[in-house]
Amino acid sequence: MNLLHLMAVVIVIGLASVPALTALERLALDRAAAESVEIARATIREHFGRQK
């Protein structure tokens, strides 16, 4: 295997890993968004619960 073959293999592996990383990033962002919504709901409940 010469240097050209090695570079081609590295490029193919790198390109194959990009969709997996973006899917993991999307899952992480979705999870963070869901957690922030839950925090906001709890804060709103506390705020209106104290005014009664």
N, C-alpha and C. Protein backbone atom coordinates (compact mmCIF):
# COMPACT_ATOMS: atom_id res chain seq x y z
N MET A 1 0.87 -1.18 0.00
CA MET A 1 0.00 0.00 0.00
C MET A 1 0.91 1.24 0.00
N ASN A 2 0.74 2.07 -0.98
CA ASN A 2 1.57 3.26 -1.02
C ASN A 2 0.87 4.43 -0.34
N LEU A 3 1.51 5.55 -0.35
CA LEU A 3 1.00 6.73 0.35
C LEU A 3 -0.34 7.20 -0.22
N LEU A 4 -0.51 7.10 -1.53
CA LEU A 4 -1.77 7.51 -2.16
C LEU A 4 -2.93 6.66 -1.66
N HIS A 5 -2.73 5.34 -1.57
CA HIS A 5 -3.78 4.46 -1.06
C HIS A 5 -4.10 4.79 0.39
N LEU A 6 -3.08 5.04 1.18
CA LEU A 6 -3.28 5.36 2.59
C LEU A 6 -4.06 6.66 2.74
N MET A 7 -3.73 7.65 1.94
CA MET A 7 -4.46 8.92 2.00
C MET A 7 -5.92 8.74 1.58
N ALA A 8 -6.17 7.91 0.57
CA ALA A 8 -7.53 7.65 0.12
C ALA A 8 -8.34 6.97 1.22
N VAL A 9 -7.74 6.02 1.91
CA VAL A 9 -8.43 5.32 3.00
C VAL A 9 -8.77 6.30 4.13
N VAL A 10 -7.84 7.16 4.48
CA VAL A 10 -8.07 8.14 5.55
C VAL A 10 -9.20 9.09 5.16
N ILE A 11 -9.23 9.53 3.91
CA ILE A 11 -10.30 10.43 3.45
C ILE A 11 -11.65 9.74 3.50
N VAL A 12 -11.71 8.49 3.03
CA VAL A 12 -12.99 7.76 3.04
C VAL A 12 -13.49 7.56 4.47
N ILE A 13 -12.61 7.19 5.37
CA ILE A 13 -13.01 7.00 6.77
C ILE A 13 -13.46 8.33 7.37
N GLY A 14 -12.77 9.40 7.07
CA GLY A 14 -13.16 10.72 7.57
C GLY A 14 -14.51 11.15 7.06
N LEU A 15 -14.77 10.94 5.77
CA LEU A 15 -16.07 11.32 5.20
C LEU A 15 -17.19 10.44 5.74
N ALA A 16 -16.90 9.19 6.02
CA ALA A 16 -17.92 8.29 6.56
C ALA A 16 -18.29 8.65 7.99
N SER A 17 -17.38 9.26 8.72
CA SER A 17 -17.66 9.58 10.12
C SER A 17 -18.43 10.88 10.28
N VAL A 18 -18.48 11.73 9.26
CA VAL A 18 -19.16 13.03 9.38
C VAL A 18 -20.65 12.88 9.66
N PRO A 19 -21.42 12.05 8.93
CA PRO A 19 -22.85 11.92 9.24
C PRO A 19 -23.10 11.40 10.65
N ALA A 20 -22.25 10.50 11.12
CA ALA A 20 -22.43 9.98 12.48
C ALA A 20 -22.21 11.08 13.50
N LEU A 21 -21.23 11.92 13.29
CA LEU A 21 -20.98 13.02 14.23
C LEU A 21 -22.12 14.02 14.20
N THR A 22 -22.63 14.35 13.02
CA THR A 22 -23.72 15.31 12.97
C THR A 22 -24.98 14.75 13.62
N ALA A 23 -25.20 13.44 13.49
CA ALA A 23 -26.35 12.82 14.15
C ALA A 23 -26.19 12.89 15.66
N LEU A 24 -24.98 12.64 16.16
CA LEU A 24 -24.74 12.74 17.60
C LEU A 24 -24.89 14.17 18.08
N GLU A 25 -24.40 15.12 17.29
CA GLU A 25 -24.56 16.53 17.66
C GLU A 25 -26.03 16.91 17.70
N ARG A 26 -26.81 16.42 16.73
CA ARG A 26 -28.24 16.73 16.69
C ARG A 26 -28.94 16.16 17.93
N LEU A 27 -28.58 14.94 18.31
CA LEU A 27 -29.16 14.35 19.52
C LEU A 27 -28.80 15.16 20.76
N ALA A 28 -27.55 15.60 20.83
CA ALA A 28 -27.12 16.40 21.98
C ALA A 28 -27.86 17.72 22.03
N LEU A 29 -28.05 18.37 20.89
CA LEU A 29 -28.77 19.64 20.85
C LEU A 29 -30.24 19.45 21.21
N ASP A 30 -30.85 18.37 20.71
CA ASP A 30 -32.25 18.08 21.05
C ASP A 30 -32.40 17.86 22.55
N ARG A 31 -31.46 17.15 23.13
CA ARG A 31 -31.52 16.87 24.57
C ARG A 31 -31.35 18.15 25.38
N ALA A 32 -30.41 19.00 24.96
CA ALA A 32 -30.20 20.27 25.66
C ALA A 32 -31.42 21.16 25.54
N ALA A 33 -32.06 21.18 24.38
CA ALA A 33 -33.26 21.99 24.20
C ALA A 33 -34.39 21.48 25.08
N ALA A 34 -34.55 20.17 25.17
CA ALA A 34 -35.61 19.60 26.01
C ALA A 34 -35.36 19.93 27.48
N GLU A 35 -34.11 19.89 27.90
CA GLU A 35 -33.80 20.22 29.30
C GLU A 35 -34.08 21.68 29.59
N SER A 36 -33.78 22.57 28.65
CA SER A 36 -34.03 23.99 28.88
C SER A 36 -35.52 24.28 28.94
N VAL A 37 -36.32 23.56 28.16
CA VAL A 37 -37.78 23.73 28.21
C VAL A 37 -38.30 23.28 29.56
N GLU A 38 -37.80 22.17 30.07
CA GLU A 38 -38.24 21.69 31.39
C GLU A 38 -37.86 22.68 32.49
N ILE A 39 -36.69 23.26 32.40
CA ILE A 39 -36.26 24.26 33.39
C ILE A 39 -37.18 25.47 33.32
N ALA A 40 -37.52 25.91 32.10
CA ALA A 40 -38.40 27.07 31.94
C ALA A 40 -39.78 26.77 32.51
N ARG A 41 -40.30 25.58 32.28
CA ARG A 41 -41.62 25.22 32.82
C ARG A 41 -41.60 25.21 34.34
N ALA A 42 -40.55 24.67 34.91
CA ALA A 42 -40.45 24.64 36.37
C ALA A 42 -40.36 26.05 36.93
N THR A 43 -39.63 26.92 36.26
CA THR A 43 -39.50 28.30 36.71
C THR A 43 -40.84 29.02 36.63
N ILE A 44 -41.58 28.81 35.56
CA ILE A 44 -42.90 29.44 35.41
C ILE A 44 -43.84 28.93 36.49
N ARG A 45 -43.82 27.63 36.76
CA ARG A 45 -44.68 27.08 37.82
C ARG A 45 -44.34 27.70 39.17
N GLU A 46 -43.05 27.81 39.47
CA GLU A 46 -42.64 28.41 40.74
C GLU A 46 -43.08 29.86 40.82
N HIS A 47 -42.93 30.59 39.73
CA HIS A 47 -43.27 32.01 39.73
C HIS A 47 -44.76 32.22 39.97
N PHE A 48 -45.60 31.52 39.24
CA PHE A 48 -47.03 31.70 39.39
C PHE A 48 -47.56 31.02 40.64
N GLY A 49 -46.88 30.01 41.13
CA GLY A 49 -47.30 29.34 42.35
C GLY A 49 -47.11 30.23 43.57
N ARG A 50 -46.10 31.07 43.56
CA ARG A 50 -45.83 31.96 44.69
C ARG A 50 -46.77 33.15 44.73
N GLN A 51 -47.33 33.54 43.59
CA GLN A 51 -48.19 34.71 43.55
C GLN A 51 -49.58 34.43 44.10
N LYS A 52 -49.98 33.20 44.15
CA LYS A 52 -51.34 32.88 44.61
C LYS A 52 -51.50 33.10 46.09
